């Protein structure tokens, strides 16, 4: 490239740049003066909005994916279950990814339920398969875990098979929505403060809640 030799302004207001090349010739570069109207205008009020989405993903389930919640003799085999991964709003106001193991025929119903629930920004503590908790319903509830499939007896009633064994039932925010078992015991023990339903707190479900209405609409109650 030619080195810059000198610059000066012309009578018309344009900028003139003089460069030299091997000291044998001189070339001129000219830049026109700015026009009175800008070619492009920028607004300081421009705002980019990125919308969060449920983004559901459905996968087949194998026995190795449910080692602690499925066993021989359960009413529903892994081949009739599905893994549903989806986004949810956490108590921290951020979007997280969760997962539910469901009966294959329940997947679309749950996507419908969670689409509306997600849009309402209803907070979820966590959403993990119960296998993470060794298949223990008590441990899952104490962790405030939202979950579905778990082939087991009803907590507090060892003589009855839980609806969760069929992959249809779902528990949501188990601490904020404690469960009174048939034996008169409330589960989980760390959710006792939420037995008082007269005070509405984040994560609690009521008849007026979006999730409750959607579950009813999908035939869950």
Protein backbone atom coordinates (compact mmCIF):
# COMPACT_ATOMS: atom_id res chain seq x y z
CA UNK A 1 0.00 0.00 0.00
CA UNK A 2 1.10 3.60 -0.67
CA UNK A 3 2.12 5.58 2.39
CA UNK A 4 0.08 8.62 3.31
CA UNK A 5 1.90 11.78 2.20
CA UNK A 6 -0.43 14.68 3.06
CA UNK A 7 -4.03 15.73 3.48
CA UNK A 8 -5.86 18.95 2.84
CA UNK A 9 -9.40 20.26 2.37
CA UNK A 10 -10.63 21.40 -0.99
CA UNK A 11 -12.63 24.56 -1.56
CA UNK A 12 -15.83 22.50 -1.79
CA UNK A 13 -15.34 21.09 1.69
CA UNK A 14 -14.26 17.68 0.49
CA UNK A 15 -11.32 15.87 2.02
CA UNK A 16 -8.37 15.34 -0.29
CA UNK A 17 -5.72 12.75 0.59
CA UNK A 18 -2.36 12.70 -1.20
CA UNK A 19 -0.34 9.48 -1.30
CA UNK A 20 3.02 8.76 -2.89
CA UNK A 21 4.17 5.61 -4.61
CA UNK A 22 7.92 5.01 -5.05
CA UNK A 23 8.33 8.81 -5.10
CA UNK A 24 7.65 8.75 -8.87
CA UNK A 25 3.97 9.57 -9.02
CA UNK A 26 1.29 11.12 -6.90
CA UNK A 27 -2.27 9.87 -6.71
CA UNK A 28 -5.34 11.53 -5.30
CA UNK A 29 -8.18 10.04 -3.25
CA UNK A 30 -11.32 12.02 -2.77
CA UNK A 31 -14.09 11.55 -0.15
CA UNK A 32 -17.28 13.47 -0.77
CA UNK A 33 -18.63 15.70 1.95
CA UNK A 34 -21.59 14.29 3.96
CA UNK A 35 -25.04 14.77 2.45
CA UNK A 36 -27.58 16.80 4.34
CA UNK A 37 -29.90 13.78 5.00
CA UNK A 38 -28.53 10.59 6.56
CA UNK A 39 -28.83 7.44 4.48
CA UNK A 40 -29.89 5.43 7.55
CA UNK A 41 -31.52 6.44 10.80
CA UNK A 42 -31.06 4.57 14.09
CA UNK A 43 -33.58 4.67 16.90
CA UNK A 44 -32.48 4.58 20.51
CA UNK A 45 -35.81 2.98 21.38
CA UNK A 46 -35.22 -0.24 19.45
CA UNK A 47 -35.79 -3.35 21.61
CA UNK A 48 -35.09 -7.00 20.89
CA UNK A 49 -37.48 -9.43 22.59
CA UNK A 50 -36.53 -13.09 22.88
CA UNK A 51 -39.53 -15.24 23.80
CA UNK A 52 -39.06 -18.34 25.91
CA UNK A 53 -40.86 -21.45 24.70
CA UNK A 54 -41.96 -24.81 26.10
CA UNK A 55 -39.96 -26.60 23.37
CA UNK A 56 -41.25 -30.12 24.12
CA UNK A 57 -39.21 -33.13 23.00
CA UNK A 58 -40.52 -36.71 23.13
CA UNK A 59 -38.38 -39.86 23.27
CA UNK A 60 -38.94 -43.59 23.57
CA UNK A 61 -38.26 -45.18 26.97
CA UNK A 62 -36.21 -48.29 27.67
CA UNK A 63 -35.98 -50.28 30.89
CA UNK A 64 -32.51 -48.85 31.52
CA UNK A 65 -34.03 -45.37 31.74
CA UNK A 66 -36.40 -46.35 34.58
CA UNK A 67 -34.28 -48.75 36.69
CA UNK A 68 -35.83 -47.71 40.01
CA UNK A 69 -39.42 -47.00 38.98
CA UNK A 70 -40.17 -50.02 36.80
CA UNK A 71 -39.96 -53.72 37.55
CA UNK A 72 -41.44 -56.94 36.21
CA UNK A 73 -45.14 -57.13 36.93
CA UNK A 74 -45.84 -53.40 36.56
CA UNK A 75 -49.04 -52.67 34.61
CA UNK A 76 -47.27 -50.59 31.96
CA UNK A 77 -44.08 -51.64 30.19
CA UNK A 78 -41.33 -49.16 29.21
CA UNK A 79 -42.31 -49.56 25.55
CA UNK A 80 -45.63 -47.88 26.41
CA UNK A 81 -43.95 -44.99 28.21
CA UNK A 82 -42.41 -41.81 26.83
CA UNK A 83 -39.84 -39.33 28.06
CA UNK A 84 -41.12 -35.78 27.71
CA UNK A 85 -38.52 -33.02 28.02
CA UNK A 86 -39.81 -29.47 28.31
CA UNK A 87 -39.02 -26.02 29.65
CA UNK A 88 -40.47 -24.58 32.84
CA UNK A 89 -40.17 -21.41 34.89
CA UNK A 90 -38.25 -21.85 38.14
CA UNK A 91 -38.75 -20.05 41.43
CA UNK A 92 -35.68 -18.03 40.46
CA UNK A 93 -37.55 -16.47 37.54
CA UNK A 94 -35.41 -18.32 35.00
CA UNK A 95 -36.30 -20.96 32.42
CA UNK A 96 -35.05 -24.49 33.10
CA UNK A 97 -35.35 -27.86 31.35
CA UNK A 98 -37.22 -30.70 33.00
CA UNK A 99 -38.37 -34.20 32.20
CA UNK A 100 -41.40 -36.38 32.83
CA UNK A 101 -41.91 -40.11 32.23
CA UNK A 102 -45.47 -40.56 30.96
CA UNK A 103 -47.82 -43.05 29.39
CA UNK A 104 -47.59 -42.65 25.61
CA UNK A 105 -51.26 -41.65 25.35
CA UNK A 106 -50.78 -38.94 27.99
CA UNK A 107 -48.00 -37.06 26.22
CA UNK A 108 -50.12 -34.75 24.09
CA UNK A 109 -52.39 -34.00 27.03
CA UNK A 110 -49.40 -33.01 29.12
CA UNK A 111 -47.97 -30.84 26.37
CA UNK A 112 -51.29 -29.00 26.26
CA UNK A 113 -51.33 -28.59 30.04
CA UNK A 114 -47.75 -27.36 30.25
CA UNK A 115 -48.04 -25.01 27.28
CA UNK A 116 -50.60 -22.95 29.20
CA UNK A 117 -48.84 -23.41 32.54
CA UNK A 118 -45.55 -22.23 31.06
CA UNK A 119 -47.23 -19.21 29.48
CA UNK A 120 -48.62 -18.24 32.90
CA UNK A 121 -45.08 -18.42 34.37
CA UNK A 122 -46.23 -20.72 37.14
CA UNK A 123 -43.04 -21.64 39.07
CA UNK A 124 -41.75 -25.21 39.36
CA UNK A 125 -39.03 -26.20 41.84
CA UNK A 126 -37.63 -29.05 39.76
CA UNK A 127 -38.86 -31.67 37.32
CA UNK A 128 -36.89 -34.91 37.34
CA UNK A 129 -37.73 -38.58 36.93
CA UNK A 130 -38.22 -40.32 40.28
CA UNK A 131 -35.36 -42.69 39.41
CA UNK A 132 -33.03 -39.86 40.44
CA UNK A 133 -34.38 -40.37 43.97
CA UNK A 134 -33.98 -44.13 43.89
CA UNK A 135 -37.65 -44.60 43.08
CA UNK A 136 -38.61 -43.24 46.52
CA UNK A 137 -41.82 -41.23 46.43
CA UNK A 138 -41.10 -39.84 49.90
CA UNK A 139 -37.66 -38.54 48.87
CA UNK A 140 -39.03 -37.12 45.62
CA UNK A 141 -41.76 -35.25 47.46
CA UNK A 142 -39.33 -33.91 50.06
CA UNK A 143 -37.22 -32.52 47.21
CA UNK A 144 -40.29 -30.63 45.92
CA UNK A 145 -40.04 -32.59 42.71
CA UNK A 146 -42.67 -32.54 39.97
CA UNK A 147 -42.98 -36.03 38.51
CA UNK A 148 -45.30 -38.56 36.91
CA UNK A 149 -44.55 -42.28 36.35
CA UNK A 150 -43.48 -44.44 39.29
CA UNK A 151 -44.64 -48.04 39.57
CA UNK A 152 -45.28 -48.30 43.31
CA UNK A 153 -47.87 -48.69 46.03
CA UNK A 154 -49.79 -45.66 47.24
CA UNK A 155 -47.74 -43.77 49.82
CA UNK A 156 -49.45 -44.41 53.14
CA UNK A 157 -51.51 -47.31 51.74
CA UNK A 158 -49.38 -50.38 50.93
CA UNK A 159 -52.40 -52.36 49.74
CA UNK A 160 -53.23 -50.16 46.76
CA UNK A 161 -51.36 -49.62 43.50
CA UNK A 162 -50.66 -45.96 42.85
CA UNK A 163 -52.15 -44.26 39.74
CA UNK A 164 -48.56 -43.20 39.04
CA UNK A 165 -47.91 -46.84 38.11
CA UNK A 166 -49.88 -46.27 34.90
CA UNK A 167 -48.02 -43.14 33.86
CA UNK A 168 -51.07 -40.90 34.01
CA UNK A 169 -50.94 -39.23 37.43
CA UNK A 170 -48.70 -36.26 38.11
CA UNK A 171 -47.43 -34.55 41.28
CA UNK A 172 -46.68 -30.83 41.02
CA UNK A 173 -44.59 -28.90 43.56
CA UNK A 174 -45.08 -31.46 46.31
CA UNK A 175 -43.86 -29.20 49.14
CA UNK A 176 -46.20 -26.34 48.23
CA UNK A 177 -49.00 -28.85 47.65
CA UNK A 178 -48.66 -31.49 50.40
CA UNK A 179 -50.53 -34.78 50.35
CA UNK A 180 -52.70 -36.27 53.10
CA UNK A 181 -52.28 -40.04 52.94
CA UNK A 182 -54.87 -42.65 53.82
CA UNK A 183 -53.04 -43.33 57.09
CA UNK A 184 -53.60 -39.71 58.20
CA UNK A 185 -50.00 -38.63 57.64
CA UNK A 186 -49.08 -35.54 55.61
CA UNK A 187 -46.32 -35.86 53.01
CA UNK A 188 -43.74 -34.44 52.73
CA UNK A 189 -42.96 -33.42 56.29
CA UNK A 190 -41.29 -30.22 55.06
CA UNK A 191 -44.52 -29.14 53.41
CA UNK A 192 -46.66 -28.93 56.55
CA UNK A 193 -46.62 -25.11 56.53
CA UNK A 194 -48.52 -25.25 53.23
CA UNK A 195 -51.51 -27.06 54.69
CA UNK A 196 -52.92 -23.61 55.29
CA UNK A 197 -54.45 -22.87 51.91
CA UNK A 198 -55.91 -19.52 52.94
CA UNK A 199 -52.60 -17.80 52.17
CA UNK A 200 -51.55 -17.96 48.52
CA UNK A 201 -47.84 -18.42 47.93
CA UNK A 202 -45.81 -19.13 44.76
CA UNK A 203 -46.05 -22.69 43.53
CA UNK A 204 -49.34 -23.49 45.25
CA UNK A 205 -52.20 -24.93 43.22
CA UNK A 206 -55.82 -23.88 43.56
CA UNK A 207 -59.00 -24.50 41.60
CA UNK A 208 -58.37 -21.17 39.86
CA UNK A 209 -54.79 -22.03 38.86
CA UNK A 210 -54.03 -22.35 35.15
CA UNK A 211 -52.44 -25.78 35.64
CA UNK A 212 -55.48 -27.06 37.56
CA UNK A 213 -57.92 -25.82 34.93
CA UNK A 214 -55.88 -27.37 32.15
CA UNK A 215 -55.62 -30.72 33.95
CA UNK A 216 -59.38 -30.74 34.41
CA UNK A 217 -59.88 -29.90 30.75
CA UNK A 218 -57.68 -32.88 29.83
CA UNK A 219 -59.71 -35.24 32.02
CA UNK A 220 -57.35 -35.52 34.99
CA UNK A 221 -60.02 -34.81 37.62
